[in-house]
Amino acid sequence: MKTLGIILIVIGIATLALPYITFTKKEKVLDIGPIEAVKEQKESVPISPIIGLVVLASGAGIVIASAVKGKR
């Protein structure tokens, strides 16, 4: 469980540092035999900082809970 907590912490920090996920979308515009035209369009999806904080706090909670459980 500690590994899952660390992964969530890293994802939460990355979400706070990078507020947008940018990707390239390829769309086939024309396809006539051997001739093919492809249109590339960059798109961005915004990520709320609240989601990053929730994921970060969840990861920290899991790490703390696994540390406390390990001491028992």
C-alpha atoms as a PDB file:
ATOM      1  CA  MET A   1       0.000   0.000   0.000  1.00  0.00           C
ATOM      2  CA  LYS A   2       2.926   2.319   0.648  1.00  0.00           C
ATOM      3  CA  THR A   3       3.893   2.096  -3.032  1.00  0.00           C
ATOM      4  CA  LEU A   4       0.376   3.128  -4.077  1.00  0.00           C
ATOM      5  CA  GLY A   5       0.575   6.108  -1.728  1.00  0.00           C
ATOM      6  CA  ILE A   6       3.902   7.225  -3.199  1.00  0.00           C
ATOM      7  CA  ILE A   7       2.524   6.902  -6.741  1.00  0.00           C
ATOM      8  CA  LEU A   8      -0.508   9.016  -5.790  1.00  0.00           C
ATOM      9  CA  ILE A   9       1.745  11.666  -4.238  1.00  0.00           C
ATOM     10  CA  VAL A  10       3.815  11.874  -7.431  1.00  0.00           C
ATOM     11  CA  ILE A  11       0.667  12.099  -9.587  1.00  0.00           C
ATOM     12  CA  GLY A  12      -0.759  14.809  -7.301  1.00  0.00           C
ATOM     13  CA  ILE A  13       2.422  16.895  -7.510  1.00  0.00           C
ATOM     14  CA  ALA A  14       2.531  16.472 -11.306  1.00  0.00           C
ATOM     15  CA  THR A  15      -1.117  17.539 -11.548  1.00  0.00           C
ATOM     16  CA  LEU A  16      -0.406  20.694  -9.565  1.00  0.00           C
ATOM     17  CA  ALA A  17       2.710  21.481 -11.601  1.00  0.00           C
ATOM     18  CA  LEU A  18       1.112  20.844 -15.012  1.00  0.00           C
ATOM     19  CA  PRO A  19      -2.428  22.267 -15.063  1.00  0.00           C
ATOM     20  CA  TYR A  20      -3.113  21.064 -18.637  1.00  0.00           C
ATOM     21  CA  ILE A  21      -2.759  17.746 -20.437  1.00  0.00           C
ATOM     22  CA  THR A  22      -1.819  18.435 -24.049  1.00  0.00           C
ATOM     23  CA  PHE A  23      -2.134  15.822 -26.759  1.00  0.00           C
ATOM     24  CA  THR A  24      -2.117  15.673 -30.553  1.00  0.00           C
ATOM     25  CA  LYS A  25      -5.209  14.408 -32.291  1.00  0.00           C
ATOM     26  CA  LYS A  26      -4.799  13.008 -35.810  1.00  0.00           C
ATOM     27  CA  GLU A  27      -7.805  12.983 -38.101  1.00  0.00           C
ATOM     28  CA  LYS A  28      -7.918  11.503 -41.577  1.00  0.00           C
ATOM     29  CA  VAL A  29      -9.280  14.201 -43.902  1.00  0.00           C
ATOM     30  CA  LEU A  30      -8.816  12.600 -47.312  1.00  0.00           C
ATOM     31  CA  ASP A  31      -8.205   9.010 -48.382  1.00  0.00           C
ATOM     32  CA  ILE A  32      -8.174   8.377 -52.124  1.00  0.00           C
ATOM     33  CA  GLY A  33      -6.251   5.226 -52.971  1.00  0.00           C
ATOM     34  CA  PRO A  34      -2.555   5.795 -52.230  1.00  0.00           C
ATOM     35  CA  ILE A  35      -3.149   9.491 -51.433  1.00  0.00           C
ATOM     36  CA  GLU A  36      -3.917  10.244 -47.832  1.00  0.00           C
ATOM     37  CA  ALA A  37      -4.240  13.577 -46.021  1.00  0.00           C
ATOM     38  CA  VAL A  38      -4.062  13.720 -42.241  1.00  0.00           C
ATOM     39  CA  LYS A  39      -4.869  16.738 -40.105  1.00  0.00           C
ATOM     40  CA  GLU A  40      -3.031  17.109 -36.782  1.00  0.00           C
ATOM     41  CA  GLN A  41      -4.607  19.237 -34.099  1.00  0.00           C
ATOM     42  CA  LYS A  42      -3.190  19.935 -30.643  1.00  0.00           C
ATOM     43  CA  GLU A  43      -5.730  19.919 -27.850  1.00  0.00           C
ATOM     44  CA  SER A  44      -5.446  20.734 -24.164  1.00  0.00           C
ATOM     45  CA  VAL A  45      -7.586  19.453 -21.327  1.00  0.00           C
ATOM     46  CA  PRO A  46      -7.527  21.544 -18.147  1.00  0.00           C
ATOM     47  CA  ILE A  47      -7.105  19.780 -14.795  1.00  0.00           C
ATOM     48  CA  SER A  48      -8.482  21.397 -11.666  1.00  0.00           C
ATOM     49  CA  PRO A  49      -5.948  22.012  -8.891  1.00  0.00           C
ATOM     50  CA  ILE A  50      -8.533  20.614  -6.475  1.00  0.00           C
ATOM     51  CA  ILE A  51      -8.124  17.199  -8.100  1.00  0.00           C
ATOM     52  CA  GLY A  52      -4.360  17.438  -7.632  1.00  0.00           C
ATOM     53  CA  LEU A  53      -4.772  18.335  -3.961  1.00  0.00           C
ATOM     54  CA  VAL A  54      -7.206  15.462  -3.385  1.00  0.00           C
ATOM     55  CA  VAL A  55      -4.878  12.939  -5.042  1.00  0.00           C
ATOM     56  CA  LEU A  56      -1.886  14.316  -3.122  1.00  0.00           C
ATOM     57  CA  ALA A  57      -3.741  14.179   0.207  1.00  0.00           C
ATOM     58  CA  SER A  58      -4.970  10.652  -0.531  1.00  0.00           C
ATOM     59  CA  GLY A  59      -1.445   9.477  -1.230  1.00  0.00           C
ATOM     60  CA  ALA A  60      -0.124  11.127   1.919  1.00  0.00           C
ATOM     61  CA  GLY A  61      -2.924   9.535   3.938  1.00  0.00           C
ATOM     62  CA  ILE A  62      -2.127   6.087   2.581  1.00  0.00           C
ATOM     63  CA  VAL A  63       1.594   6.492   3.318  1.00  0.00           C
ATOM     64  CA  ILE A  64       0.888   7.715   6.865  1.00  0.00           C
ATOM     65  CA  ALA A  65      -1.648   4.949   7.503  1.00  0.00           C
ATOM     66  CA  SER A  66       0.762   2.273   6.277  1.00  0.00           C
ATOM     67  CA  ALA A  67       3.531   3.704   8.489  1.00  0.00           C
ATOM     68  CA  VAL A  68       1.265   3.681  11.539  1.00  0.00           C
ATOM     69  CA  LYS A  69       0.075   0.164  10.768  1.00  0.00           C
ATOM     70  CA  GLY A  70       3.674  -0.995  10.373  1.00  0.00           C
ATOM     71  CA  LYS A  71       4.569   0.238  13.885  1.00  0.00           C
ATOM     72  CA  ARG A  72       1.845  -1.855  15.522  1.00  0.00           C
END
